[in-house]
Amino acid sequence: MDKNHCGCSYDSVVCLCGVEKSIKGRQVLRGVDLEVDEGEIHILAGLNGAGKTTTVRIIVGLVVRDGGFARVLGEDPGGGGFGRVRGMIGYLPEDASVYDRLTGLENIEFYARLYGGPVEEMVERAMMYSGLSIEDLSRRAGGYSKGMKRRLLLGITLMTEPSLVVLDEPTSGIDPIASHRVKRLLRRLAAKGRSLLVTTHDMRLAEEIGDRVTIIHRGSTLESGSPGELMDRYGAESLEEVFVRVVEGVEA
């Protein structure tokens, strides 16, 4: 398979190479390398403050990098041509929220009209992906649990059938049943050829659903590979053990 100068294949969905970013005078990213292929669940793992959120914001075009190479769906996310593919990306930030005074269905309808396109089809898709019942969707979202709100937001994120799905800590703070439903949905999406980039510091989640894992720390990529490859490389019994060894190796 042909590769570019960064070592990414030319048909990679995401390719970052040596990406750097400073915010308010502080260097947040010091050299992030990341490749996401079509149809894979790629985990971007790191401690809080490692640079995960800044990295995904660069990928979705919300933040412009200071240096390094970046291509997302064939376009530079900091360039003028990125508008051509922006609508093919679904992004769910960790701090996203719903409109509490609206019902679940009204939240969905609001975003469907905002995105444009076939509203009825998008509403049906969002309802399906959320997995919430008609009874739940008829209630005000302010009465939802955190897990239900997260499922509603995930349904809204997926209503446009994006080619690349970027999720920032999708299971953080939700109960085990809601987490199981989210993980099952992510596997289904990848099986249908969608590309998913999921940030987390939960190595059990990474080991359970990740096809590949990239570990970043203090704004730099330290390791990347499948969970099995990483565990073999470090002679570890779990991905959590790998993560601890990698990060502690830098801290030592």
Foldseek 3Di string as FASTA:
>chain_A
DDDDPQREHPQWQKFWFQWWADDPNRTQAGTATDTWHWLFEEEEAEDVSLCPVVVVCLQLLNDPTPDTDIDHSRHRSPDPPCVVQNLLEQEDAPPDFFDQQAALLVRLLVLLVVSDDDSVQLSVQLCVQLVDDPVRRRDGNNPDDPLSRLSSSVSSSCSSVHQEYEYEASCPPHDPVSVVSVLVSVNVSSVVGHIYYYYDNDQVSCLVGGQKYWYGGSNYTQDIDGQVVQCVVVVHPGVNVSNCCRVVVVVD
